[in-house]
Amino acid sequence: MRLDLFAGVPVSDFEAAMPWYSRLFGSEPAFIPHATEAVWQLGEHRFVYIDEDPKRAGHAVCTVFVEDLDERVDGIASRGIEPSDRETYPGKARKVIYRDADGNEISFGGSV
């Protein structure tokens, strides 16, 4: 059975959010369904999208687990974005948290 994931992040200002998310994910969107929505493909059948929705903006929480967390964080830093916070779950996992201008939490996690 095929499974696709589309994780949505509501933003208050699509035009302002686009550059930040492109830097965070390290690429331009895979596609733009309409004037206020952009979709990034993070892996096969795995997508994160932003959509302008000011009433809901700032409440998203999304964590993406990656194989090499340090490499991901270094890549994001090289594009000018620093983490808001870091968490370690002893013996289990680490999480690096980023927040967009609306306060949406986009995190990357990895094994310890």
Protein backbone atom coordinates (compact mmCIF):
# COMPACT_ATOMS: atom_id res chain seq x y z
CA MET A 1 0.00 0.00 0.00
CA ARG A 2 1.43 3.37 -1.05
CA LEU A 3 1.40 6.11 1.57
CA ASP A 4 1.91 9.82 0.81
CA LEU A 5 2.43 12.44 3.50
CA PHE A 6 1.51 16.11 3.04
CA ALA A 7 2.27 18.14 6.18
CA GLY A 8 0.75 21.61 6.06
CA VAL A 9 2.05 24.80 7.63
CA PRO A 10 -0.27 27.83 7.63
CA VAL A 11 1.53 31.16 7.22
CA SER A 12 0.25 34.71 7.49
CA ASP A 13 2.16 36.07 4.48
CA PHE A 14 2.97 33.64 1.67
CA GLU A 15 5.39 35.95 -0.19
CA ALA A 16 7.38 36.64 2.98
CA ALA A 17 7.46 32.96 4.03
CA MET A 18 8.62 31.51 0.68
CA PRO A 19 12.30 32.58 0.89
CA TRP A 20 12.64 31.38 4.49
CA TYR A 21 11.24 27.93 3.71
CA SER A 22 13.37 27.65 0.56
CA ARG A 23 16.46 28.35 2.68
CA LEU A 24 15.29 25.96 5.42
CA PHE A 25 14.71 23.08 2.99
CA GLY A 26 17.64 24.00 0.73
CA SER A 27 15.66 24.21 -2.51
CA GLU A 28 12.89 25.94 -4.33
CA PRO A 29 9.45 24.30 -4.00
CA ALA A 30 8.78 21.14 -6.01
CA PHE A 31 5.56 22.75 -7.20
CA ILE A 32 3.21 25.64 -6.54
CA PRO A 33 -0.43 24.51 -6.70
CA HIS A 34 -1.82 28.06 -6.59
CA ALA A 35 -0.79 31.64 -5.81
CA THR A 36 -0.54 31.18 -2.02
CA GLU A 37 0.65 27.57 -1.63
CA ALA A 38 4.07 26.00 -2.18
CA VAL A 39 5.11 22.36 -1.75
CA TRP A 40 8.57 20.96 -1.00
CA GLN A 41 9.30 17.28 -1.54
CA LEU A 42 11.51 16.02 1.29
CA GLY A 43 11.60 12.41 0.12
CA GLU A 44 9.66 9.96 -1.95
CA HIS A 45 5.96 10.54 -1.18
CA ARG A 46 6.86 12.98 1.64
CA PHE A 47 5.92 16.64 1.30
CA VAL A 48 5.70 19.78 3.42
CA TYR A 49 3.66 22.69 2.18
CA ILE A 50 3.00 26.25 3.24
CA ASP A 51 -0.35 27.88 2.60
CA GLU A 52 -1.41 31.43 3.36
CA ASP A 53 -4.00 31.24 6.13
CA PRO A 54 -3.52 34.12 8.59
CA LYS A 55 -6.16 32.89 11.06
CA ARG A 56 -4.34 29.56 11.56
CA ALA A 57 -0.74 30.78 11.13
CA GLY A 58 1.75 30.10 13.89
CA HIS A 59 0.29 26.87 15.27
CA ALA A 60 2.03 24.19 13.18
CA VAL A 61 4.40 21.66 14.73
CA CYS A 62 6.28 19.42 12.33
CA THR A 63 9.32 17.19 12.95
CA VAL A 64 11.30 15.54 10.17
CA PHE A 65 13.74 12.77 11.10
CA VAL A 66 16.91 12.73 9.01
CA GLU A 67 19.82 10.32 8.72
CA ASP A 68 22.53 12.89 9.54
CA LEU A 69 21.16 15.62 11.80
CA ASP A 70 24.47 17.50 12.13
CA GLU A 71 24.87 17.68 8.35
CA ARG A 72 21.31 18.99 7.99
CA VAL A 73 21.79 21.65 10.68
CA ASP A 74 25.11 22.75 9.17
CA GLY A 75 23.48 23.05 5.74
CA ILE A 76 20.65 25.16 7.11
CA ALA A 77 23.14 27.38 8.98
CA SER A 78 25.09 27.90 5.74
CA ARG A 79 21.87 29.32 4.28
CA GLY A 80 21.56 31.83 7.13
CA ILE A 81 19.04 30.19 9.48
CA GLU A 82 19.94 29.31 13.05
CA PRO A 83 17.93 27.04 15.36
CA SER A 84 15.58 28.50 17.95
CA ASP A 85 16.21 25.62 20.33
CA ARG A 86 17.74 22.17 20.69
CA GLU A 87 16.51 19.22 22.70
CA THR A 88 18.15 15.93 23.61
CA TYR A 89 16.26 12.87 24.73
CA PRO A 90 19.05 10.88 26.45
CA GLY A 91 19.76 7.58 24.77
CA LYS A 92 17.02 8.15 22.18
CA ALA A 93 17.10 11.17 19.90
CA ARG A 94 18.05 14.81 19.36
CA LYS A 95 15.83 17.54 17.95
CA VAL A 96 16.79 20.91 16.47
CA ILE A 97 13.93 23.40 16.36
CA TYR A 98 13.41 26.25 13.89
CA ARG A 99 10.60 28.80 14.05
CA ASP A 100 9.34 30.84 11.13
CA ALA A 101 8.19 34.46 11.43
CA ASP A 102 4.70 33.30 12.49
CA GLY A 103 6.05 30.99 15.22
CA ASN A 104 5.42 27.71 13.38
CA GLU A 105 7.79 25.05 14.67
CA ILE A 106 9.69 23.05 12.06
CA SER A 107 12.14 20.62 13.63
CA PHE A 108 14.69 18.14 12.42
CA GLY A 109 15.46 15.11 14.54
CA GLY A 110 17.92 12.27 14.52
CA SER A 111 19.20 9.38 16.55
CA VAL A 112 21.80 9.91 19.24
